[in-house]
Amino acid sequence: MLHYALIFFIVALIAALFGFGGIAASAAGIAKILFFVFLALTLASFVLGLFRR
C-alpha cells in the first residue's frame, strides 16, 4: 500500500510540474489517504503481534 501511495505522490508532483492543478490535488489526496491507511494497518499489525506472543 505504501508503494501505491508513493506512485500517487510522484504522479501529483509530475502533474503539478506540468500545471495540472486539479489532477495534482486529487493525486496528493489519494496518496495521503493511502499513507494513513498504511500507517494504521502497520500499527495495528504491530500491536496485535505484541499481544500474540
PDB file of N, CA and C in Angstrom:
ATOM      1  N   MET A   1       0.828  -1.184   0.000  1.00  0.00           N
ATOM      2  CA  MET A   1       0.000   0.000   0.000  1.00  0.00           C
ATOM      3  C   MET A   1       0.879   1.257   0.000  1.00  0.00           C
ATOM      4  N   LEU A   2       2.007   1.156   0.668  1.00  0.00           N
ATOM      5  CA  LEU A   2       2.926   2.284   0.659  1.00  0.00           C
ATOM      6  C   LEU A   2       3.451   2.529  -0.754  1.00  0.00           C
ATOM      7  N   HIS A   3       3.605   1.476  -1.509  1.00  0.00           N
ATOM      8  CA  HIS A   3       4.047   1.582  -2.903  1.00  0.00           C
ATOM      9  C   HIS A   3       3.064   2.430  -3.713  1.00  0.00           C
ATOM     10  N   TYR A   4       1.779   2.175  -3.572  1.00  0.00           N
ATOM     11  CA  TYR A   4       0.771   2.940  -4.304  1.00  0.00           C
ATOM     12  C   TYR A   4       0.719   4.388  -3.827  1.00  0.00           C
ATOM     13  N   ALA A   5       0.936   4.612  -2.538  1.00  0.00           N
ATOM     14  CA  ALA A   5       0.973   5.977  -2.034  1.00  0.00           C
ATOM     15  C   ALA A   5       2.126   6.757  -2.670  1.00  0.00           C
ATOM     16  N   LEU A   6       3.268   6.106  -2.796  1.00  0.00           N
ATOM     17  CA  LEU A   6       4.410   6.764  -3.437  1.00  0.00           C
ATOM     18  C   LEU A   6       4.160   7.022  -4.920  1.00  0.00           C
ATOM     19  N   ILE A   7       3.497   6.087  -5.593  1.00  0.00           N
ATOM     20  CA  ILE A   7       3.178   6.285  -7.008  1.00  0.00           C
ATOM     21  C   ILE A   7       2.248   7.480  -7.182  1.00  0.00           C
ATOM     22  N   PHE A   8       1.207   7.580  -6.359  1.00  0.00           N
ATOM     23  CA  PHE A   8       0.293   8.720  -6.460  1.00  0.00           C
ATOM     24  C   PHE A   8       1.004  10.032  -6.109  1.00  0.00           C
ATOM     25  N   PHE A   9       1.946   9.979  -5.176  1.00  0.00           N
ATOM     26  CA  PHE A   9       2.703  11.175  -4.828  1.00  0.00           C
ATOM     27  C   PHE A   9       3.565  11.626  -6.012  1.00  0.00           C
ATOM     28  N   ILE A  10       4.191  10.693  -6.675  1.00  0.00           N
ATOM     29  CA  ILE A  10       5.001  11.028  -7.850  1.00  0.00           C
ATOM     30  C   ILE A  10       4.118  11.568  -8.976  1.00  0.00           C
ATOM     31  N   VAL A  11       2.955  10.963  -9.168  1.00  0.00           N
ATOM     32  CA  VAL A  11       2.017  11.466 -10.175  1.00  0.00           C
ATOM     33  C   VAL A  11       1.592  12.895  -9.837  1.00  0.00           C
ATOM     34  N   ALA A  12       1.361  13.165  -8.559  1.00  0.00           N
ATOM     35  CA  ALA A  12       0.980  14.515  -8.139  1.00  0.00           C
ATOM     36  C   ALA A  12       2.097  15.507  -8.417  1.00  0.00           C
ATOM     37  N   LEU A  13       3.336  15.109  -8.160  1.00  0.00           N
ATOM     38  CA  LEU A  13       4.457  16.007  -8.424  1.00  0.00           C
ATOM     39  C   LEU A  13       4.606  16.289  -9.912  1.00  0.00           C
ATOM     40  N   ILE A  14       4.487  15.268 -10.728  1.00  0.00           N
ATOM     41  CA  ILE A  14       4.618  15.456 -12.172  1.00  0.00           C
ATOM     42  C   ILE A  14       3.463  16.296 -12.708  1.00  0.00           C
ATOM     43  N   ALA A  15       2.246  16.036 -12.231  1.00  0.00           N
ATOM     44  CA  ALA A  15       1.094  16.821 -12.684  1.00  0.00           C
ATOM     45  C   ALA A  15       1.244  18.284 -12.277  1.00  0.00           C
ATOM     46  N   ALA A  16       1.748  18.525 -11.080  1.00  0.00           N
ATOM     47  CA  ALA A  16       1.951  19.905 -10.639  1.00  0.00           C
ATOM     48  C   ALA A  16       3.039  20.585 -11.461  1.00  0.00           C
ATOM     49  N   LEU A  17       4.045  19.827 -11.832  1.00  0.00           N
ATOM     50  CA  LEU A  17       5.125  20.379 -12.647  1.00  0.00           C
ATOM     51  C   LEU A  17       4.615  20.849 -14.006  1.00  0.00           C
ATOM     52  N   PHE A  18       3.678  20.094 -14.574  1.00  0.00           N
ATOM     53  CA  PHE A  18       3.133  20.447 -15.885  1.00  0.00           C
ATOM     54  C   PHE A  18       1.914  21.364 -15.810  1.00  0.00           C
ATOM     55  N   GLY A  19       1.501  21.751 -14.604  1.00  0.00           N
ATOM     56  CA  GLY A  19       0.441  22.731 -14.459  1.00  0.00           C
ATOM     57  C   GLY A  19      -0.966  22.178 -14.334  1.00  0.00           C
ATOM     58  N   PHE A  20      -1.100  20.893 -14.097  1.00  0.00           N
ATOM     59  CA  PHE A  20      -2.428  20.296 -13.913  1.00  0.00           C
ATOM     60  C   PHE A  20      -2.754  20.297 -12.418  1.00  0.00           C
ATOM     61  N   GLY A  21      -3.271  21.422 -11.942  1.00  0.00           N
ATOM     62  CA  GLY A  21      -3.505  21.594 -10.516  1.00  0.00           C
ATOM     63  C   GLY A  21      -4.561  20.671  -9.939  1.00  0.00           C
ATOM     64  N   GLY A  22      -5.651  20.470 -10.685  1.00  0.00           N
ATOM     65  CA  GLY A  22      -6.727  19.607 -10.184  1.00  0.00           C
ATOM     66  C   GLY A  22      -6.294  18.161 -10.056  1.00  0.00           C
ATOM     67  N   ILE A  23      -5.592  17.688 -11.056  1.00  0.00           N
ATOM     68  CA  ILE A  23      -5.106  16.301 -11.019  1.00  0.00           C
ATOM     69  C   ILE A  23      -4.062  16.146  -9.920  1.00  0.00           C
ATOM     70  N   ALA A  24      -3.210  17.148  -9.764  1.00  0.00           N
ATOM     71  CA  ALA A  24      -2.184  17.097  -8.729  1.00  0.00           C
ATOM     72  C   ALA A  24      -2.819  17.053  -7.335  1.00  0.00           C
ATOM     73  N   ALA A  25      -3.841  17.855  -7.124  1.00  0.00           N
ATOM     74  CA  ALA A  25      -4.504  17.871  -5.816  1.00  0.00           C
ATOM     75  C   ALA A  25      -5.204  16.547  -5.534  1.00  0.00           C
ATOM     76  N   SER A  26      -5.844  15.984  -6.554  1.00  0.00           N
ATOM     77  CA  SER A  26      -6.520  14.700  -6.380  1.00  0.00           C
ATOM     78  C   SER A  26      -5.522  13.592  -6.085  1.00  0.00           C
ATOM     79  N   ALA A  27      -4.436  13.554  -6.836  1.00  0.00           N
ATOM     80  CA  ALA A  27      -3.430  12.513  -6.622  1.00  0.00           C
ATOM     81  C   ALA A  27      -2.771  12.661  -5.260  1.00  0.00           C
ATOM     82  N   ALA A  28      -2.537  13.887  -4.822  1.00  0.00           N
ATOM     83  CA  ALA A  28      -1.947  14.108  -3.500  1.00  0.00           C
ATOM     84  C   ALA A  28      -2.915  13.678  -2.397  1.00  0.00           C
ATOM     85  N   GLY A  29      -4.203  13.940  -2.582  1.00  0.00           N
ATOM     86  CA  GLY A  29      -5.206  13.498  -1.597  1.00  0.00           C
ATOM     87  C   GLY A  29      -5.280  11.988  -1.503  1.00  0.00           C
ATOM     88  N   ILE A  30      -5.245  11.318  -2.640  1.00  0.00           N
ATOM     89  CA  ILE A  30      -5.264   9.852  -2.644  1.00  0.00           C
ATOM     90  C   ILE A  30      -4.006   9.314  -1.985  1.00  0.00           C
ATOM     91  N   ALA A  31      -2.855   9.919  -2.275  1.00  0.00           N
ATOM     92  CA  ALA A  31      -1.598   9.479  -1.668  1.00  0.00           C
ATOM     93  C   ALA A  31      -1.645   9.640  -0.153  1.00  0.00           C
ATOM     94  N   LYS A  32      -2.236  10.747   0.315  1.00  0.00           N
ATOM     95  CA  LYS A  32      -2.322  10.977   1.752  1.00  0.00           C
ATOM     96  C   LYS A  32      -3.221   9.938   2.422  1.00  0.00           C
ATOM     97  N   ILE A  33      -4.345   9.639   1.804  1.00  0.00           N
ATOM     98  CA  ILE A  33      -5.264   8.638   2.355  1.00  0.00           C
ATOM     99  C   ILE A  33      -4.603   7.267   2.407  1.00  0.00           C
ATOM    100  N   LEU A  34      -3.944   6.883   1.319  1.00  0.00           N
ATOM    101  CA  LEU A  34      -3.273   5.580   1.288  1.00  0.00           C
ATOM    102  C   LEU A  34      -2.156   5.506   2.324  1.00  0.00           C
ATOM    103  N   PHE A  35      -1.438   6.594   2.524  1.00  0.00           N
ATOM    104  CA  PHE A  35      -0.368   6.589   3.519  1.00  0.00           C
ATOM    105  C   PHE A  35      -0.933   6.399   4.920  1.00  0.00           C
ATOM    106  N   PHE A  36      -2.025   7.086   5.237  1.00  0.00           N
ATOM    107  CA  PHE A  36      -2.589   6.945   6.580  1.00  0.00           C
ATOM    108  C   PHE A  36      -3.226   5.574   6.790  1.00  0.00           C
ATOM    109  N   VAL A  37      -3.795   4.987   5.744  1.00  0.00           N
ATOM    110  CA  VAL A  37      -4.306   3.614   5.856  1.00  0.00           C
ATOM    111  C   VAL A  37      -3.144   2.657   6.096  1.00  0.00           C
ATOM    112  N   PHE A  38      -2.044   2.849   5.360  1.00  0.00           N
ATOM    113  CA  PHE A  38      -0.852   2.033   5.564  1.00  0.00           C
ATOM    114  C   PHE A  38      -0.340   2.171   6.996  1.00  0.00           C
ATOM    115  N   LEU A  39      -0.293   3.399   7.497  1.00  0.00           N
ATOM    116  CA  LEU A  39       0.194   3.642   8.847  1.00  0.00           C
ATOM    117  C   LEU A  39      -0.698   2.965   9.891  1.00  0.00           C
ATOM    118  N   ALA A  40      -2.008   3.062   9.716  1.00  0.00           N
ATOM    119  CA  ALA A  40      -2.939   2.442  10.662  1.00  0.00           C
ATOM    120  C   ALA A  40      -2.810   0.919  10.643  1.00  0.00           C
ATOM    121  N   LEU A  41      -2.702   0.342   9.458  1.00  0.00           N
ATOM    122  CA  LEU A  41      -2.559  -1.112   9.367  1.00  0.00           C
ATOM    123  C   LEU A  41      -1.225  -1.587   9.931  1.00  0.00           C
ATOM    124  N   THR A  42      -0.177  -0.803   9.740  1.00  0.00           N
ATOM    125  CA  THR A  42       1.125  -1.150  10.296  1.00  0.00           C
ATOM    126  C   THR A  42       1.093  -1.129  11.818  1.00  0.00           C
ATOM    127  N   LEU A  43       0.502  -0.088  12.374  1.00  0.00           N
ATOM    128  CA  LEU A  43       0.407  -0.004  13.830  1.00  0.00           C
ATOM    129  C   LEU A  43      -0.479  -1.102  14.405  1.00  0.00           C
ATOM    130  N   ALA A  44      -1.582  -1.413  13.731  1.00  0.00           N
ATOM    131  CA  ALA A  44      -2.464  -2.485  14.198  1.00  0.00           C
ATOM    132  C   ALA A  44      -1.742  -3.824  14.146  1.00  0.00           C
ATOM    133  N   SER A  45      -0.994  -4.063  13.097  1.00  0.00           N
ATOM    134  CA  SER A  45      -0.245  -5.306  12.975  1.00  0.00           C
ATOM    135  C   SER A  45       0.819  -5.407  14.067  1.00  0.00           C
ATOM    136  N   PHE A  46       1.474  -4.304  14.361  1.00  0.00           N
ATOM    137  CA  PHE A  46       2.497  -4.288  15.407  1.00  0.00           C
ATOM    138  C   PHE A  46       1.885  -4.573  16.771  1.00  0.00           C
ATOM    139  N   VAL A  47       0.779  -3.930  17.088  1.00  0.00           N
ATOM    140  CA  VAL A  47       0.135  -4.124  18.394  1.00  0.00           C
ATOM    141  C   VAL A  47      -0.396  -5.548  18.524  1.00  0.00           C
ATOM    142  N   LEU A  48      -1.035  -6.058  17.471  1.00  0.00           N
ATOM    143  CA  LEU A  48      -1.534  -7.431  17.529  1.00  0.00           C
ATOM    144  C   LEU A  48      -0.393  -8.436  17.621  1.00  0.00           C
ATOM    145  N   GLY A  49       0.727  -8.137  17.012  1.00  0.00           N
ATOM    146  CA  GLY A  49       1.890  -9.013  17.116  1.00  0.00           C
ATOM    147  C   GLY A  49       2.442  -9.052  18.519  1.00  0.00           C
ATOM    148  N   LEU A  50       2.373  -7.941  19.239  1.00  0.00           N
ATOM    149  CA  LEU A  50       2.840  -7.924  20.628  1.00  0.00           C
ATOM    150  C   LEU A  50       1.936  -8.751  21.531  1.00  0.00           C
ATOM    151  N   PHE A  51       0.628  -8.729  21.260  1.00  0.00           N
ATOM    152  CA  PHE A  51      -0.301  -9.471  22.108  1.00  0.00           C
ATOM    153  C   PHE A  51      -0.309 -10.963  21.822  1.00  0.00           C
ATOM    154  N   ARG A  52       0.111 -11.371  20.644  1.00  0.00           N
ATOM    155  CA  ARG A  52       0.080 -12.792  20.299  1.00  0.00           C
ATOM    156  C   ARG A  52       1.224 -13.561  20.937  1.00  0.00           C
ATOM    157  N   ARG A  53       2.269 -12.878  21.372  1.00  0.00           N
ATOM    158  CA  ARG A  53       3.412 -13.568  21.978  1.00  0.00           C
ATOM    159  C   ARG A  53       3.091 -13.959  23.341  1.00  0.00           C
TER     160      ARG A  53
END
